[in-house]
């Protein structure tokens, strides 16, 4: 990867089911090349194209807010 290409690291985390997911770099080789940012929640992370889409609380918390 060239230094001019953008990427972001998602740190490893434990899912709601207490399963360890190893850290990964965005974009993933098998996903959209524009998904440069680590997005999601502390217990559910994924790559996306919006730099403001990481929320530092658990995914289940969002359902409680509905």
PDB file of N, CA and C in Angstrom:
ATOM      1  N   UNK A   1       0.846  -1.173   0.000  1.00  0.00           N
ATOM      2  CA  UNK A   1       0.000   0.000   0.000  1.00  0.00           C
ATOM      3  C   UNK A   1       0.888   1.232   0.000  1.00  0.00           C
ATOM      4  N   UNK A   2       0.572   2.196  -0.827  1.00  0.00           N
ATOM      5  CA  UNK A   2       1.331   3.435  -0.885  1.00  0.00           C
ATOM      6  C   UNK A   2       0.997   4.301   0.316  1.00  0.00           C
ATOM      7  N   UNK A   3       1.928   5.147   0.691  1.00  0.00           N
ATOM      8  CA  UNK A   3       1.669   6.042   1.809  1.00  0.00           C
ATOM      9  C   UNK A   3       0.550   7.018   1.501  1.00  0.00           C
ATOM     10  N   UNK A   4       0.313   7.308   0.224  1.00  0.00           N
ATOM     11  CA  UNK A   4      -0.731   8.261  -0.148  1.00  0.00           C
ATOM     12  C   UNK A   4      -2.126   7.656  -0.033  1.00  0.00           C
ATOM     13  N   UNK A   5      -2.225   6.338   0.025  1.00  0.00           N
ATOM     14  CA  UNK A   5      -3.527   5.694   0.183  1.00  0.00           C
ATOM     15  C   UNK A   5      -3.964   5.784   1.633  1.00  0.00           C
ATOM     16  N   UNK A   6      -5.252   6.023   1.835  1.00  0.00           N
ATOM     17  CA  UNK A   6      -5.761   6.145   3.190  1.00  0.00           C
ATOM     18  C   UNK A   6      -6.203   4.791   3.723  1.00  0.00           C
ATOM     19  N   UNK A   7      -6.070   4.618   5.026  1.00  0.00           N
ATOM     20  CA  UNK A   7      -6.570   3.417   5.683  1.00  0.00           C
ATOM     21  C   UNK A   7      -6.804   3.746   7.152  1.00  0.00           C
ATOM     22  N   UNK A   8      -7.527   2.869   7.809  1.00  0.00           N
ATOM     23  CA  UNK A   8      -7.837   3.056   9.210  1.00  0.00           C
ATOM     24  C   UNK A   8      -7.794   1.696   9.887  1.00  0.00           C
ATOM     25  N   UNK A   9      -7.350   1.660  11.125  1.00  0.00           N
ATOM     26  CA  UNK A   9      -7.298   0.404  11.868  1.00  0.00           C
ATOM     27  C   UNK A   9      -8.480   0.304  12.823  1.00  0.00           C
ATOM     28  N   UNK A  10      -9.132  -0.851  12.818  1.00  0.00           N
ATOM     29  CA  UNK A  10     -10.162  -1.163  13.808  1.00  0.00           C
ATOM     30  C   UNK A  10      -9.496  -2.085  14.819  1.00  0.00           C
ATOM     31  N   UNK A  11      -9.495  -1.690  16.068  1.00  0.00           N
ATOM     32  CA  UNK A  11      -8.902  -2.522  17.108  1.00  0.00           C
ATOM     33  C   UNK A  11      -9.769  -3.745  17.356  1.00  0.00           C
ATOM     34  N   UNK A  12      -9.163  -4.808  17.852  1.00  0.00           N
ATOM     35  CA  UNK A  12      -9.913  -6.007  18.192  1.00  0.00           C
ATOM     36  C   UNK A  12     -10.967  -5.695  19.249  1.00  0.00           C
ATOM     37  N   UNK A  13     -11.990  -6.521  19.311  1.00  0.00           N
ATOM     38  CA  UNK A  13     -13.085  -6.282  20.246  1.00  0.00           C
ATOM     39  C   UNK A  13     -13.811  -7.582  20.554  1.00  0.00           C
ATOM     40  N   UNK A  14     -14.635  -7.547  21.594  1.00  0.00           N
ATOM     41  CA  UNK A  14     -15.487  -8.675  21.951  1.00  0.00           C
ATOM     42  C   UNK A  14     -16.918  -8.361  21.520  1.00  0.00           C
ATOM     43  N   UNK A  15     -17.550  -9.296  20.833  1.00  0.00           N
ATOM     44  CA  UNK A  15     -18.928  -9.124  20.403  1.00  0.00           C
ATOM     45  C   UNK A  15     -19.869  -9.236  21.602  1.00  0.00           C
ATOM     46  N   UNK A  16     -21.136  -8.980  21.362  1.00  0.00           N
ATOM     47  CA  UNK A  16     -22.157  -9.104  22.403  1.00  0.00           C
ATOM     48  C   UNK A  16     -22.188 -10.521  22.973  1.00  0.00           C
ATOM     49  N   UNK A  17     -21.828 -11.513  22.127  1.00  0.00           N
ATOM     50  CA  UNK A  17     -21.794 -12.916  22.547  1.00  0.00           C
ATOM     51  C   UNK A  17     -20.447 -13.284  23.185  1.00  0.00           C
ATOM     52  N   UNK A  18     -19.606 -12.272  23.486  1.00  0.00           N
ATOM     53  CA  UNK A  18     -18.314 -12.456  24.127  1.00  0.00           C
ATOM     54  C   UNK A  18     -17.328 -13.254  23.268  1.00  0.00           C
ATOM     55  N   UNK A  19     -17.388 -13.047  21.943  1.00  0.00           N
ATOM     56  CA  UNK A  19     -16.471 -13.680  20.993  1.00  0.00           C
ATOM     57  C   UNK A  19     -15.437 -12.630  20.572  1.00  0.00           C
ATOM     58  N   UNK A  20     -14.161 -12.989  20.646  1.00  0.00           N
ATOM     59  CA  UNK A  20     -13.100 -12.070  20.254  1.00  0.00           C
ATOM     60  C   UNK A  20     -13.022 -11.964  18.735  1.00  0.00           C
ATOM     61  N   UNK A  21     -13.036 -10.724  18.245  1.00  0.00           N
ATOM     62  CA  UNK A  21     -12.821 -10.452  16.828  1.00  0.00           C
ATOM     63  C   UNK A  21     -11.484  -9.733  16.741  1.00  0.00           C
ATOM     64  N   UNK A  22     -10.559 -10.304  15.976  1.00  0.00           N
ATOM     65  CA  UNK A  22      -9.227  -9.714  15.829  1.00  0.00           C
ATOM     66  C   UNK A  22      -9.333  -8.359  15.123  1.00  0.00           C
ATOM     67  N   UNK A  23      -8.392  -7.480  15.427  1.00  0.00           N
ATOM     68  CA  UNK A  23      -8.341  -6.180  14.766  1.00  0.00           C
ATOM     69  C   UNK A  23      -8.134  -6.329  13.265  1.00  0.00           C
ATOM     70  N   UNK A  24      -8.515  -5.310  12.523  1.00  0.00           N
ATOM     71  CA  UNK A  24      -8.369  -5.338  11.063  1.00  0.00           C
ATOM     72  C   UNK A  24      -8.169  -3.920  10.543  1.00  0.00           C
ATOM     73  N   UNK A  25      -7.707  -3.824   9.304  1.00  0.00           N
ATOM     74  CA  UNK A  25      -7.461  -2.539   8.656  1.00  0.00           C
ATOM     75  C   UNK A  25      -8.496  -2.304   7.575  1.00  0.00           C
ATOM     76  N   UNK A  26      -8.996  -1.082   7.498  1.00  0.00           N
ATOM     77  CA  UNK A  26      -9.948  -0.691   6.452  1.00  0.00           C
ATOM     78  C   UNK A  26      -9.197   0.078   5.375  1.00  0.00           C
ATOM     79  N   UNK A  27      -9.547  -0.115   4.107  1.00  0.00           N
ATOM     80  CA  UNK A  27     -10.603  -1.029   3.649  1.00  0.00           C
ATOM     81  C   UNK A  27     -10.105  -2.470   3.629  1.00  0.00           C
ATOM     82  N   UNK A  28     -11.029  -3.392   3.864  1.00  0.00           N
ATOM     83  CA  UNK A  28     -10.701  -4.810   3.797  1.00  0.00           C
ATOM     84  C   UNK A  28     -10.558  -5.199   2.329  1.00  0.00           C
ATOM     85  N   UNK A  29      -9.745  -6.203   2.072  1.00  0.00           N
ATOM     86  CA  UNK A  29      -9.492  -6.640   0.693  1.00  0.00           C
ATOM     87  C   UNK A  29     -10.771  -7.089  -0.007  1.00  0.00           C
ATOM     88  N   UNK A  30     -11.709  -7.657   0.766  1.00  0.00           N
ATOM     89  CA  UNK A  30     -12.932  -8.188   0.157  1.00  0.00           C
ATOM     90  C   UNK A  30     -14.131  -7.235   0.268  1.00  0.00           C
ATOM     91  N   UNK A  31     -13.864  -5.936   0.528  1.00  0.00           N
ATOM     92  CA  UNK A  31     -14.979  -4.994   0.652  1.00  0.00           C
ATOM     93  C   UNK A  31     -14.763  -3.777  -0.228  1.00  0.00           C
ATOM     94  N   UNK A  32     -15.684  -2.853  -0.151  1.00  0.00           N
ATOM     95  CA  UNK A  32     -15.669  -1.626  -0.944  1.00  0.00           C
ATOM     96  C   UNK A  32     -14.394  -0.825  -0.670  1.00  0.00           C
ATOM     97  N   UNK A  33     -13.700  -0.417  -1.716  1.00  0.00           N
ATOM     98  CA  UNK A  33     -12.447   0.323  -1.569  1.00  0.00           C
ATOM     99  C   UNK A  33     -12.652   1.698  -0.950  1.00  0.00           C
ATOM    100  N   UNK A  34     -13.867   2.223  -0.944  1.00  0.00           N
ATOM    101  CA  UNK A  34     -14.134   3.532  -0.339  1.00  0.00           C
ATOM    102  C   UNK A  34     -14.443   3.416   1.160  1.00  0.00           C
ATOM    103  N   UNK A  35     -14.536   2.199   1.681  1.00  0.00           N
ATOM    104  CA  UNK A  35     -14.814   1.982   3.105  1.00  0.00           C
ATOM    105  C   UNK A  35     -13.503   2.100   3.884  1.00  0.00           C
ATOM    106  N   UNK A  36     -13.053   3.337   4.056  1.00  0.00           N
ATOM    107  CA  UNK A  36     -11.729   3.625   4.613  1.00  0.00           C
ATOM    108  C   UNK A  36     -11.705   3.788   6.125  1.00  0.00           C
ATOM    109  N   UNK A  37     -12.858   3.897   6.757  1.00  0.00           N
ATOM    110  CA  UNK A  37     -12.907   4.247   8.170  1.00  0.00           C
ATOM    111  C   UNK A  37     -13.465   3.115   9.025  1.00  0.00           C
ATOM    112  N   UNK A  38     -12.977   3.052  10.270  1.00  0.00           N
ATOM    113  CA  UNK A  38     -13.494   2.082  11.224  1.00  0.00           C
ATOM    114  C   UNK A  38     -14.793   2.643  11.788  1.00  0.00           C
ATOM    115  N   UNK A  39     -15.882   1.926  11.608  1.00  0.00           N
ATOM    116  CA  UNK A  39     -17.198   2.382  12.016  1.00  0.00           C
ATOM    117  C   UNK A  39     -17.844   1.354  12.937  1.00  0.00           C
ATOM    118  N   UNK A  40     -18.966   1.721  13.500  1.00  0.00           N
ATOM    119  CA  UNK A  40     -19.716   0.790  14.317  1.00  0.00           C
ATOM    120  C   UNK A  40     -19.710   1.182  15.774  1.00  0.00           C
ATOM    121  N   UNK A  41     -19.580   0.171  16.643  1.00  0.00           N
ATOM    122  CA  UNK A  41     -19.698   0.332  18.086  1.00  0.00           C
ATOM    123  C   UNK A  41     -18.561  -0.409  18.772  1.00  0.00           C
ATOM    124  N   UNK A  42     -18.480  -0.312  20.072  1.00  0.00           N
ATOM    125  CA  UNK A  42     -17.393  -0.982  20.788  1.00  0.00           C
ATOM    126  C   UNK A  42     -17.487  -2.497  20.687  1.00  0.00           C
ATOM    127  N   UNK A  43     -18.678  -3.039  20.389  1.00  0.00           N
ATOM    128  CA  UNK A  43     -18.849  -4.491  20.289  1.00  0.00           C
ATOM    129  C   UNK A  43     -19.303  -4.951  18.900  1.00  0.00           C
ATOM    130  N   UNK A  44     -19.213  -4.077  17.884  1.00  0.00           N
ATOM    131  CA  UNK A  44     -19.568  -4.417  16.503  1.00  0.00           C
ATOM    132  C   UNK A  44     -18.899  -3.393  15.591  1.00  0.00           C
ATOM    133  N   UNK A  45     -17.770  -3.758  14.996  1.00  0.00           N
ATOM    134  CA  UNK A  45     -17.011  -2.828  14.158  1.00  0.00           C
ATOM    135  C   UNK A  45     -17.004  -3.302  12.718  1.00  0.00           C
ATOM    136  N   UNK A  46     -16.962  -2.334  11.807  1.00  0.00           N
ATOM    137  CA  UNK A  46     -16.923  -2.624  10.382  1.00  0.00           C
ATOM    138  C   UNK A  46     -16.324  -1.426   9.659  1.00  0.00           C
ATOM    139  N   UNK A  47     -15.999  -1.589   8.398  1.00  0.00           N
ATOM    140  CA  UNK A  47     -15.447  -0.511   7.590  1.00  0.00           C
ATOM    141  C   UNK A  47     -16.578   0.210   6.863  1.00  0.00           C
ATOM    142  N   UNK A  48     -16.475   1.537   6.800  1.00  0.00           N
ATOM    143  CA  UNK A  48     -17.471   2.319   6.048  1.00  0.00           C
ATOM    144  C   UNK A  48     -16.813   3.572   5.482  1.00  0.00           C
ATOM    145  N   UNK A  49     -17.589   4.377   4.767  1.00  0.00           N
ATOM    146  CA  UNK A  49     -17.033   5.566   4.129  1.00  0.00           C
ATOM    147  C   UNK A  49     -17.300   6.863   4.894  1.00  0.00           C
ATOM    148  N   UNK A  50     -17.829   6.782   6.115  1.00  0.00           N
ATOM    149  CA  UNK A  50     -18.142   7.966   6.908  1.00  0.00           C
ATOM    150  C   UNK A  50     -17.228   8.029   8.137  1.00  0.00           C
ATOM    151  N   UNK A  51     -16.341   9.024   8.211  1.00  0.00           N
ATOM    152  CA  UNK A  51     -15.399   9.096   9.325  1.00  0.00           C
ATOM    153  C   UNK A  51     -16.059   9.370  10.678  1.00  0.00           C
ATOM    154  N   UNK A  52     -17.325   9.731  10.689  1.00  0.00           N
ATOM    155  CA  UNK A  52     -18.020  10.058  11.937  1.00  0.00           C
ATOM    156  C   UNK A  52     -18.991   8.977  12.375  1.00  0.00           C
ATOM    157  N   UNK A  53     -18.780   7.747  11.943  1.00  0.00           N
ATOM    158  CA  UNK A  53     -19.730   6.670  12.233  1.00  0.00           C
ATOM    159  C   UNK A  53     -19.221   5.640  13.228  1.00  0.00           C
ATOM    160  N   UNK A  54     -18.371   6.064  14.161  1.00  0.00           N
ATOM    161  CA  UNK A  54     -17.994   5.159  15.246  1.00  0.00           C
ATOM    162  C   UNK A  54     -18.591   5.702  16.528  1.00  0.00           C
ATOM    163  N   UNK A  55     -19.271   4.838  17.273  1.00  0.00           N
ATOM    164  CA  UNK A  55     -19.927   5.232  18.507  1.00  0.00           C
ATOM    165  C   UNK A  55     -19.307   4.411  19.639  1.00  0.00           C
ATOM    166  N   UNK A  56     -18.773   5.056  20.679  1.00  0.00           N
ATOM    167  CA  UNK A  56     -17.989   4.361  21.704  1.00  0.00           C
ATOM    168  C   UNK A  56     -18.802   3.579  22.730  1.00  0.00           C
ATOM    169  N   UNK A  57     -20.031   3.234  22.418  1.00  0.00           N
ATOM    170  CA  UNK A  57     -20.828   2.424  23.335  1.00  0.00           C
ATOM    171  C   UNK A  57     -21.255   1.150  22.628  1.00  0.00           C
ATOM    172  N   UNK A  58     -21.919   0.273  23.327  1.00  0.00           N
ATOM    173  CA  UNK A  58     -22.272  -1.033  22.771  1.00  0.00           C
ATOM    174  C   UNK A  58     -23.441  -0.934  21.801  1.00  0.00           C
ATOM    175  N   UNK A  59     -23.416  -1.791  20.801  1.00  0.00           N
ATOM    176  CA  UNK A  59     -24.451  -1.837  19.772  1.00  0.00           C
ATOM    177  C   UNK A  59     -25.836  -2.037  20.374  1.00  0.00           C
ATOM    178  N   UNK A  60     -25.963  -2.904  21.370  1.00  0.00           N
ATOM    179  CA  UNK A  60     -27.245  -3.168  22.009  1.00  0.00           C
ATOM    180  C   UNK A  60     -27.863  -1.919  22.611  1.00  0.00           C
ATOM    181  N   UNK A  61     -27.032  -0.953  22.971  1.00  0.00           N
ATOM    182  CA  UNK A  61     -27.508   0.299  23.539  1.00  0.00           C
ATOM    183  C   UNK A  61     -28.421   1.036  22.566  1.00  0.00           C
ATOM    184  N   UNK A  62     -28.141   0.944  21.278  1.00  0.00           N
ATOM    185  CA  UNK A  62     -28.953   1.625  20.267  1.00  0.00           C
ATOM    186  C   UNK A  62     -30.383   1.109  20.269  1.00  0.00           C
ATOM    187  N   UNK A  63     -30.573  -0.172  20.473  1.00  0.00           N
ATOM    188  CA  UNK A  63     -31.938  -0.715  20.486  1.00  0.00           C
ATOM    189  C   UNK A  63     -32.705  -0.215  21.695  1.00  0.00           C
ATOM    190  N   UNK A  64     -32.004   0.025  22.788  1.00  0.00           N
ATOM    191  CA  UNK A  64     -32.635   0.520  23.997  1.00  0.00           C
ATOM    192  C   UNK A  64     -33.164   1.944  23.794  1.00  0.00           C
ATOM    193  N   UNK A  65     -32.520   2.699  22.927  1.00  0.00           N
ATOM    194  CA  UNK A  65     -32.926   4.090  22.688  1.00  0.00           C
ATOM    195  C   UNK A  65     -34.190   4.205  21.854  1.00  0.00           C
ATOM    196  N   UNK A  66     -34.579   3.184  21.146  1.00  0.00           N
ATOM    197  CA  UNK A  66     -35.732   3.242  20.236  1.00  0.00           C
ATOM    198  C   UNK A  66     -37.013   3.370  20.954  1.00  0.00           C
TER     199      UNK A  66
END
